Amino acid sequence: MFNTKTLTVAFSLLASASFANVNITGTVQSKCSVHTETQGVYGNPTADKLSTASADGGVVPRIRYDVSLADSYIAKISYPTSFSSSPTLNDVVNWTGTIAVDEVTDPLMSAYETNKVVYDSTTEYDMTIAGSTWFTIESSAEYGYNQALPGGNYTAIVEAECIAK
């Protein structure tokens, strides 16, 4: 009889107990931002070529990275390897490009250009110092083999992102 009453009391205590799952939330603000300083424009120096180089009549795109937390981000920049919009093209487009540090707010950032990692159309910079860094991105597209590019509007996109380390 004692065991039955003990079990009844124990079950009633368990049945009336309550619990809660409490969420803990937070928001992280990136300490790295990317800004377009100069939109790029393709010049058309020959019938089969588009180029952002000023010698070819183009305008080199320029972007700025602002980093407020040193040694926490990688700047990853890629020059275009295709058109996001263009007239119909029936031949191969050969892409080339270069990405370079153009201006810095701290003289120690000059090491960024020396220490960059380049692969395919992408260049990565380890943003080890807080401050602003400006990059230029030259690109050119040559169409086929001695073929003129069709008339029309051409657009290509530079990809620039901050990657947390």
Protein backbone atom coordinates (compact mmCIF):
# COMPACT_ATOMS: atom_id res chain seq x y z
CA MET A 1 0.00 0.00 0.00
CA PHE A 2 2.86 2.35 0.84
CA ASN A 3 4.44 1.73 -2.56
CA THR A 4 1.22 2.56 -4.41
CA LYS A 5 0.82 5.91 -2.60
CA THR A 6 4.49 6.77 -3.20
CA LEU A 7 4.17 6.01 -6.89
CA THR A 8 0.95 8.03 -7.18
CA VAL A 9 2.58 11.08 -5.55
CA ALA A 10 5.68 10.73 -7.75
CA PHE A 11 3.63 10.52 -10.96
CA SER A 12 1.49 13.49 -9.98
CA LEU A 13 4.63 15.58 -9.37
CA LEU A 14 6.03 14.59 -12.74
CA ALA A 15 2.75 15.32 -14.49
CA SER A 16 2.59 18.84 -13.07
CA ALA A 17 6.25 19.76 -13.77
CA SER A 18 6.86 22.13 -16.68
CA PHE A 19 9.87 23.15 -18.67
CA ALA A 20 10.80 25.61 -21.39
CA ASN A 21 13.28 25.82 -24.21
CA VAL A 22 14.66 29.34 -24.27
CA ASN A 23 16.22 30.63 -27.47
CA ILE A 24 19.28 32.81 -27.32
CA THR A 25 19.73 34.92 -30.43
CA GLY A 26 22.32 37.35 -31.63
CA THR A 27 23.22 39.39 -34.67
CA VAL A 28 26.71 39.71 -36.10
CA GLN A 29 27.49 42.81 -38.13
CA SER A 30 30.23 42.26 -40.69
CA LYS A 31 33.33 44.33 -40.08
CA CYS A 32 34.09 44.27 -43.81
CA SER A 33 32.18 46.03 -46.58
CA VAL A 34 32.64 46.38 -50.34
CA HIS A 35 31.76 49.55 -52.28
CA THR A 36 31.82 50.37 -55.99
CA GLU A 37 33.93 53.48 -56.54
CA THR A 38 33.99 53.46 -60.36
CA GLN A 39 31.78 51.48 -62.73
CA GLY A 40 33.73 49.80 -65.53
CA VAL A 41 33.16 50.55 -69.20
CA TYR A 42 34.38 48.47 -72.12
CA GLY A 43 36.18 50.21 -74.95
CA ASN A 44 36.20 48.57 -78.38
CA PRO A 45 39.75 49.10 -79.73
CA THR A 46 39.46 46.48 -82.47
CA ALA A 47 36.51 44.73 -84.10
CA ASP A 48 37.02 41.58 -82.05
CA LYS A 49 37.96 43.01 -78.64
CA LEU A 50 36.37 44.69 -75.63
CA SER A 51 38.67 46.06 -72.95
CA THR A 52 38.44 48.18 -69.80
CA ALA A 53 42.01 49.50 -70.28
CA SER A 54 42.09 53.27 -70.68
CA ALA A 55 44.49 52.86 -73.64
CA ASP A 56 41.67 50.91 -75.34
CA GLY A 57 39.03 53.56 -74.62
CA GLY A 58 37.67 51.78 -71.57
CA VAL A 59 37.19 52.68 -67.92
CA VAL A 60 38.74 50.39 -65.30
CA PRO A 61 36.33 49.47 -62.51
CA ARG A 62 37.49 50.39 -59.00
CA ILE A 63 36.17 48.97 -55.74
CA ARG A 64 36.88 49.78 -52.09
CA TYR A 65 37.02 47.38 -49.16
CA ASP A 66 36.53 48.88 -45.70
CA VAL A 67 37.75 46.59 -42.91
CA SER A 68 37.30 47.58 -39.26
CA LEU A 69 38.52 44.30 -37.73
CA ALA A 70 42.03 43.39 -38.84
CA ASP A 71 43.06 39.85 -39.77
CA SER A 72 39.49 38.56 -39.90
CA TYR A 73 38.60 38.73 -43.61
CA ILE A 74 39.77 37.73 -47.05
CA ALA A 75 38.97 39.94 -50.03
CA LYS A 76 38.00 37.68 -52.95
CA ILE A 77 37.76 39.42 -56.32
CA SER A 78 37.11 37.82 -59.72
CA TYR A 79 37.28 39.45 -63.13
CA PRO A 80 34.54 38.44 -65.61
CA THR A 81 34.73 35.20 -67.59
CA SER A 82 31.41 35.59 -69.38
CA PHE A 83 28.92 38.25 -70.34
CA SER A 84 25.85 38.58 -68.18
CA SER A 85 24.14 40.06 -71.24
CA SER A 86 25.22 40.43 -74.86
CA PRO A 87 24.04 39.89 -78.40
CA THR A 88 24.05 36.26 -79.52
CA LEU A 89 27.62 35.02 -79.84
CA ASN A 90 28.39 31.97 -81.97
CA ASP A 91 32.07 31.64 -81.19
CA VAL A 92 34.37 31.42 -78.17
CA VAL A 93 35.20 34.49 -76.08
CA ASN A 94 38.69 34.49 -74.58
CA TRP A 95 38.89 36.40 -71.29
CA THR A 96 41.91 37.92 -69.57
CA GLY A 97 42.20 40.24 -66.62
CA THR A 98 44.27 41.61 -63.78
CA ILE A 99 43.34 42.68 -60.28
CA ALA A 100 45.62 45.01 -58.33
CA VAL A 101 45.79 47.12 -55.18
CA ASP A 102 45.40 50.74 -56.29
CA GLU A 103 45.34 52.75 -53.06
CA VAL A 104 45.54 52.10 -49.30
CA THR A 105 44.99 54.00 -46.06
CA ASP A 106 47.93 52.37 -44.26
CA PRO A 107 51.38 51.99 -45.86
CA LEU A 108 51.70 48.48 -44.38
CA MET A 109 48.86 47.41 -46.70
CA SER A 110 51.31 47.57 -49.61
CA ALA A 111 52.14 43.96 -48.67
CA TYR A 112 48.67 42.93 -49.90
CA GLU A 113 49.81 43.05 -53.52
CA THR A 114 52.94 41.01 -52.77
CA ASN A 115 51.07 38.40 -50.74
CA LYS A 116 48.00 37.96 -52.97
CA VAL A 117 46.90 34.52 -54.13
CA VAL A 118 45.86 34.26 -57.79
CA TYR A 119 43.99 31.34 -59.37
CA ASP A 120 41.84 31.18 -62.49
CA SER A 121 40.12 34.58 -62.73
CA THR A 122 40.19 35.12 -58.96
CA THR A 123 42.57 36.99 -56.67
CA GLU A 124 42.45 36.75 -52.87
CA TYR A 125 43.93 39.22 -50.41
CA ASP A 126 44.34 38.56 -46.69
CA MET A 127 43.03 41.75 -45.08
CA THR A 128 45.43 41.83 -42.14
CA ILE A 129 45.15 45.56 -41.37
CA ALA A 130 42.09 47.63 -40.51
CA GLY A 131 41.37 50.43 -42.97
CA SER A 132 40.36 50.97 -46.60
CA THR A 133 41.88 49.39 -49.69
CA TRP A 134 41.02 50.25 -53.29
CA PHE A 135 41.37 47.67 -56.05
CA THR A 136 41.28 48.02 -59.85
CA ILE A 137 40.04 45.25 -62.09
CA GLU A 138 41.06 45.26 -65.75
CA SER A 139 39.44 42.80 -68.10
CA SER A 140 39.29 42.14 -71.80
CA ALA A 141 37.29 39.83 -74.00
CA GLU A 142 38.46 38.74 -77.46
CA TYR A 143 35.94 37.12 -79.75
CA GLY A 144 36.70 34.07 -81.86
CA TYR A 145 39.54 34.13 -84.34
CA ASN A 146 39.55 37.38 -86.31
CA GLN A 147 35.78 37.73 -86.02
CA ALA A 148 34.04 41.02 -85.38
CA LEU A 149 31.85 41.25 -82.30
CA PRO A 150 28.17 41.67 -83.19
CA GLY A 151 26.81 45.17 -82.59
CA GLY A 152 24.89 45.69 -79.35
CA ASN A 153 25.25 46.15 -75.61
CA TYR A 154 27.61 44.01 -73.57
CA THR A 155 27.62 43.63 -69.78
CA ALA A 156 29.98 41.63 -67.58
CA ILE A 157 30.21 41.46 -63.80
CA VAL A 158 33.14 41.71 -61.42
CA GLU A 159 32.52 39.60 -58.30
CA ALA A 160 33.89 41.05 -55.06
CA GLU A 161 33.20 39.60 -51.63
CA CYS A 162 34.45 39.63 -48.04
CA ILE A 163 34.96 36.19 -46.61
CA ALA A 164 35.25 35.77 -42.85
CA LYS A 165 38.31 33.73 -41.83
